[in-house]
Amino acid sequence: MDNTDATPTTGERAAFEAGIKFGTLYHQFAGTPVSPDNASSLERAIEESIENQPHCAAVSVDILNERLDAAIDHGYTELTGEFMEVEVVVDYEGTEVVTSMQMEDGYPLMRVDAVRRDE
């Protein structure tokens, strides 16, 4: 017996959109060669790329240079979640979803931090 409502809420759709943005962000840019010399330009490139997607209100990427410095071998390292703090804000039909990425047990987890609805 299926007791689920087949119609997703606006908040669920907004959260889904945020998930799409994070999936694109992480899997498009993971593995990119990065060093402190190009970190700020890479931050901007990631932000501008993801902001192009529908319903994306804001993206903030902070590449953690101290962690980068500690990991660099031969002048650069590959970008992974451990080197980034990311926030993505989606606005879908008056519902804003704020999401972030943080490391948990060595794995980059994306999470919904807040859901705000226009009143």
C-alpha atoms as a PDB file:
ATOM      1  CA  MET A   1       0.000   0.000   0.000  1.00  0.00           C
ATOM      2  CA  ASP A   2       1.406   3.413  -1.027  1.00  0.00           C
ATOM      3  CA  ASN A   3       0.459   6.274   1.310  1.00  0.00           C
ATOM      4  CA  THR A   4       2.772   8.882  -0.205  1.00  0.00           C
ATOM      5  CA  ASP A   5       1.638  12.089  -1.831  1.00  0.00           C
ATOM      6  CA  ALA A   6       2.880  12.051  -5.421  1.00  0.00           C
ATOM      7  CA  THR A   7       3.132  15.842  -5.657  1.00  0.00           C
ATOM      8  CA  PRO A   8       6.348  17.273  -4.197  1.00  0.00           C
ATOM      9  CA  THR A   9       6.095  20.453  -2.139  1.00  0.00           C
ATOM     10  CA  THR A  10       7.734  23.676  -3.271  1.00  0.00           C
ATOM     11  CA  GLY A  11      10.315  23.197  -0.516  1.00  0.00           C
ATOM     12  CA  GLU A  12      11.091  19.683  -1.718  1.00  0.00           C
ATOM     13  CA  ARG A  13      11.512  20.959  -5.271  1.00  0.00           C
ATOM     14  CA  ALA A  14      13.793  23.749  -4.043  1.00  0.00           C
ATOM     15  CA  ALA A  15      15.882  21.231  -2.077  1.00  0.00           C
ATOM     16  CA  PHE A  16      16.088  18.999  -5.161  1.00  0.00           C
ATOM     17  CA  GLU A  17      17.321  21.978  -7.215  1.00  0.00           C
ATOM     18  CA  ALA A  18      19.984  22.651  -4.584  1.00  0.00           C
ATOM     19  CA  GLY A  19      21.071  19.016  -4.802  1.00  0.00           C
ATOM     20  CA  ILE A  20      21.466  19.345  -8.555  1.00  0.00           C
ATOM     21  CA  LYS A  21      23.658  22.426  -8.074  1.00  0.00           C
ATOM     22  CA  PHE A  22      25.868  20.644  -5.546  1.00  0.00           C
ATOM     23  CA  GLY A  23      26.173  17.521  -7.669  1.00  0.00           C
ATOM     24  CA  THR A  24      27.256  19.633 -10.616  1.00  0.00           C
ATOM     25  CA  LEU A  25      29.628  21.718  -8.523  1.00  0.00           C
ATOM     26  CA  TYR A  26      31.367  18.810  -6.887  1.00  0.00           C
ATOM     27  CA  HIS A  27      31.614  16.417  -9.799  1.00  0.00           C
ATOM     28  CA  GLN A  28      32.515  19.058 -12.353  1.00  0.00           C
ATOM     29  CA  PHE A  29      35.344  20.568 -10.310  1.00  0.00           C
ATOM     30  CA  ALA A  30      36.676  17.703  -8.145  1.00  0.00           C
ATOM     31  CA  GLY A  31      40.095  16.781  -9.443  1.00  0.00           C
ATOM     32  CA  THR A  32      40.879  20.241 -10.807  1.00  0.00           C
ATOM     33  CA  PRO A  33      44.543  21.112 -10.237  1.00  0.00           C
ATOM     34  CA  VAL A  34      44.648  23.844  -7.564  1.00  0.00           C
ATOM     35  CA  SER A  35      47.283  25.818  -5.696  1.00  0.00           C
ATOM     36  CA  PRO A  36      47.161  28.976  -3.582  1.00  0.00           C
ATOM     37  CA  ASP A  37      48.135  30.909  -6.735  1.00  0.00           C
ATOM     38  CA  ASN A  38      44.953  29.974  -8.620  1.00  0.00           C
ATOM     39  CA  ALA A  39      42.545  29.301  -5.728  1.00  0.00           C
ATOM     40  CA  SER A  40      40.747  32.662  -5.870  1.00  0.00           C
ATOM     41  CA  SER A  41      40.209  32.502  -9.642  1.00  0.00           C
ATOM     42  CA  LEU A  42      38.951  28.917  -9.281  1.00  0.00           C
ATOM     43  CA  GLU A  43      36.535  30.029  -6.526  1.00  0.00           C
ATOM     44  CA  ARG A  44      35.086  32.662  -8.875  1.00  0.00           C
ATOM     45  CA  ALA A  45      34.891  30.242 -11.797  1.00  0.00           C
ATOM     46  CA  ILE A  46      32.983  27.692  -9.705  1.00  0.00           C
ATOM     47  CA  GLU A  47      30.610  30.339  -8.336  1.00  0.00           C
ATOM     48  CA  GLU A  48      29.893  31.859 -11.747  1.00  0.00           C
ATOM     49  CA  SER A  49      29.409  28.456 -13.355  1.00  0.00           C
ATOM     50  CA  ILE A  50      26.874  27.237 -10.790  1.00  0.00           C
ATOM     51  CA  GLU A  51      25.058  30.594 -10.617  1.00  0.00           C
ATOM     52  CA  ASN A  52      24.170  30.152 -14.304  1.00  0.00           C
ATOM     53  CA  GLN A  53      21.831  27.284 -13.440  1.00  0.00           C
ATOM     54  CA  PRO A  54      18.077  27.878 -13.087  1.00  0.00           C
ATOM     55  CA  HIS A  55      16.792  28.961  -9.654  1.00  0.00           C
ATOM     56  CA  CYS A  56      20.285  29.538  -8.261  1.00  0.00           C
ATOM     57  CA  ALA A  57      20.228  32.703  -6.148  1.00  0.00           C
ATOM     58  CA  ALA A  58      23.785  32.647  -4.781  1.00  0.00           C
ATOM     59  CA  VAL A  59      26.902  30.515  -4.533  1.00  0.00           C
ATOM     60  CA  SER A  60      29.828  31.067  -2.184  1.00  0.00           C
ATOM     61  CA  VAL A  61      33.001  29.005  -2.548  1.00  0.00           C
ATOM     62  CA  ASP A  62      35.936  29.379  -0.185  1.00  0.00           C
ATOM     63  CA  ILE A  63      38.997  27.305  -0.996  1.00  0.00           C
ATOM     64  CA  LEU A  64      40.879  26.761   2.250  1.00  0.00           C
ATOM     65  CA  ASN A  65      44.443  27.829   1.484  1.00  0.00           C
ATOM     66  CA  GLU A  66      45.920  26.574   4.760  1.00  0.00           C
ATOM     67  CA  ARG A  67      44.684  23.057   4.005  1.00  0.00           C
ATOM     68  CA  LEU A  68      45.882  23.397   0.418  1.00  0.00           C
ATOM     69  CA  ASP A  69      49.379  24.405   1.535  1.00  0.00           C
ATOM     70  CA  ALA A  70      49.599  21.356   3.786  1.00  0.00           C
ATOM     71  CA  ALA A  71      48.576  19.001   0.974  1.00  0.00           C
ATOM     72  CA  ILE A  72      50.578  20.403  -1.915  1.00  0.00           C
ATOM     73  CA  ASP A  73      53.067  18.100  -3.537  1.00  0.00           C
ATOM     74  CA  HIS A  74      54.920  19.220  -6.674  1.00  0.00           C
ATOM     75  CA  GLY A  75      53.358  22.708  -6.734  1.00  0.00           C
ATOM     76  CA  TYR A  76      49.647  21.793  -6.698  1.00  0.00           C
ATOM     77  CA  THR A  77      47.067  19.323  -5.496  1.00  0.00           C
ATOM     78  CA  GLU A  78      43.689  18.174  -6.756  1.00  0.00           C
ATOM     79  CA  LEU A  79      40.583  19.976  -5.556  1.00  0.00           C
ATOM     80  CA  THR A  80      38.402  17.890  -3.247  1.00  0.00           C
ATOM     81  CA  GLY A  81      35.738  18.637  -0.672  1.00  0.00           C
ATOM     82  CA  GLU A  82      38.290  18.786   2.130  1.00  0.00           C
ATOM     83  CA  PHE A  83      39.661  22.015   0.630  1.00  0.00           C
ATOM     84  CA  MET A  84      36.340  23.851   0.197  1.00  0.00           C
ATOM     85  CA  GLU A  85      33.608  25.516   2.178  1.00  0.00           C
ATOM     86  CA  VAL A  86      30.584  25.978  -0.047  1.00  0.00           C
ATOM     87  CA  GLU A  87      27.130  27.495   0.333  1.00  0.00           C
ATOM     88  CA  VAL A  88      24.445  27.341  -2.349  1.00  0.00           C
ATOM     89  CA  VAL A  89      21.169  29.265  -2.145  1.00  0.00           C
ATOM     90  CA  VAL A  90      18.256  28.289  -4.377  1.00  0.00           C
ATOM     91  CA  ASP A  91      15.092  30.328  -4.792  1.00  0.00           C
ATOM     92  CA  TYR A  92      12.283  28.233  -6.250  1.00  0.00           C
ATOM     93  CA  GLU A  93       8.847  29.844  -6.567  1.00  0.00           C
ATOM     94  CA  GLY A  94       9.244  31.916  -3.407  1.00  0.00           C
ATOM     95  CA  THR A  95      10.929  29.218  -1.338  1.00  0.00           C
ATOM     96  CA  GLU A  96      14.581  29.745  -0.551  1.00  0.00           C
ATOM     97  CA  VAL A  97      16.764  26.802   0.397  1.00  0.00           C
ATOM     98  CA  VAL A  98      20.188  27.407   1.937  1.00  0.00           C
ATOM     99  CA  THR A  99      22.579  24.479   1.602  1.00  0.00           C
ATOM    100  CA  SER A 100      26.200  23.854   2.493  1.00  0.00           C
ATOM    101  CA  MET A 101      28.923  21.288   2.188  1.00  0.00           C
ATOM    102  CA  GLN A 102      31.141  20.108   5.010  1.00  0.00           C
ATOM    103  CA  MET A 103      33.385  17.161   5.649  1.00  0.00           C
ATOM    104  CA  GLU A 104      32.011  14.413   7.847  1.00  0.00           C
ATOM    105  CA  ASP A 105      34.093  11.322   8.585  1.00  0.00           C
ATOM    106  CA  GLY A 106      36.361  12.160   5.640  1.00  0.00           C
ATOM    107  CA  TYR A 107      33.492  12.520   3.161  1.00  0.00           C
ATOM    108  CA  PRO A 108      32.047  15.767   1.729  1.00  0.00           C
ATOM    109  CA  LEU A 109      28.397  15.853   2.749  1.00  0.00           C
ATOM    110  CA  MET A 110      25.914  18.345   1.354  1.00  0.00           C
ATOM    111  CA  ARG A 111      23.121  19.411   3.679  1.00  0.00           C
ATOM    112  CA  VAL A 112      20.042  21.604   3.795  1.00  0.00           C
ATOM    113  CA  ASP A 113      20.653  24.286   6.439  1.00  0.00           C
ATOM    114  CA  ALA A 114      17.470  26.332   6.115  1.00  0.00           C
ATOM    115  CA  VAL A 115      14.199  26.552   4.200  1.00  0.00           C
ATOM    116  CA  ARG A 116      12.547  29.969   4.047  1.00  0.00           C
ATOM    117  CA  ARG A 117       9.182  30.678   2.446  1.00  0.00           C
ATOM    118  CA  ASP A 118       7.792  34.015   1.326  1.00  0.00           C
ATOM    119  CA  GLU A 119       4.911  34.888   3.619  1.00  0.00           C
END
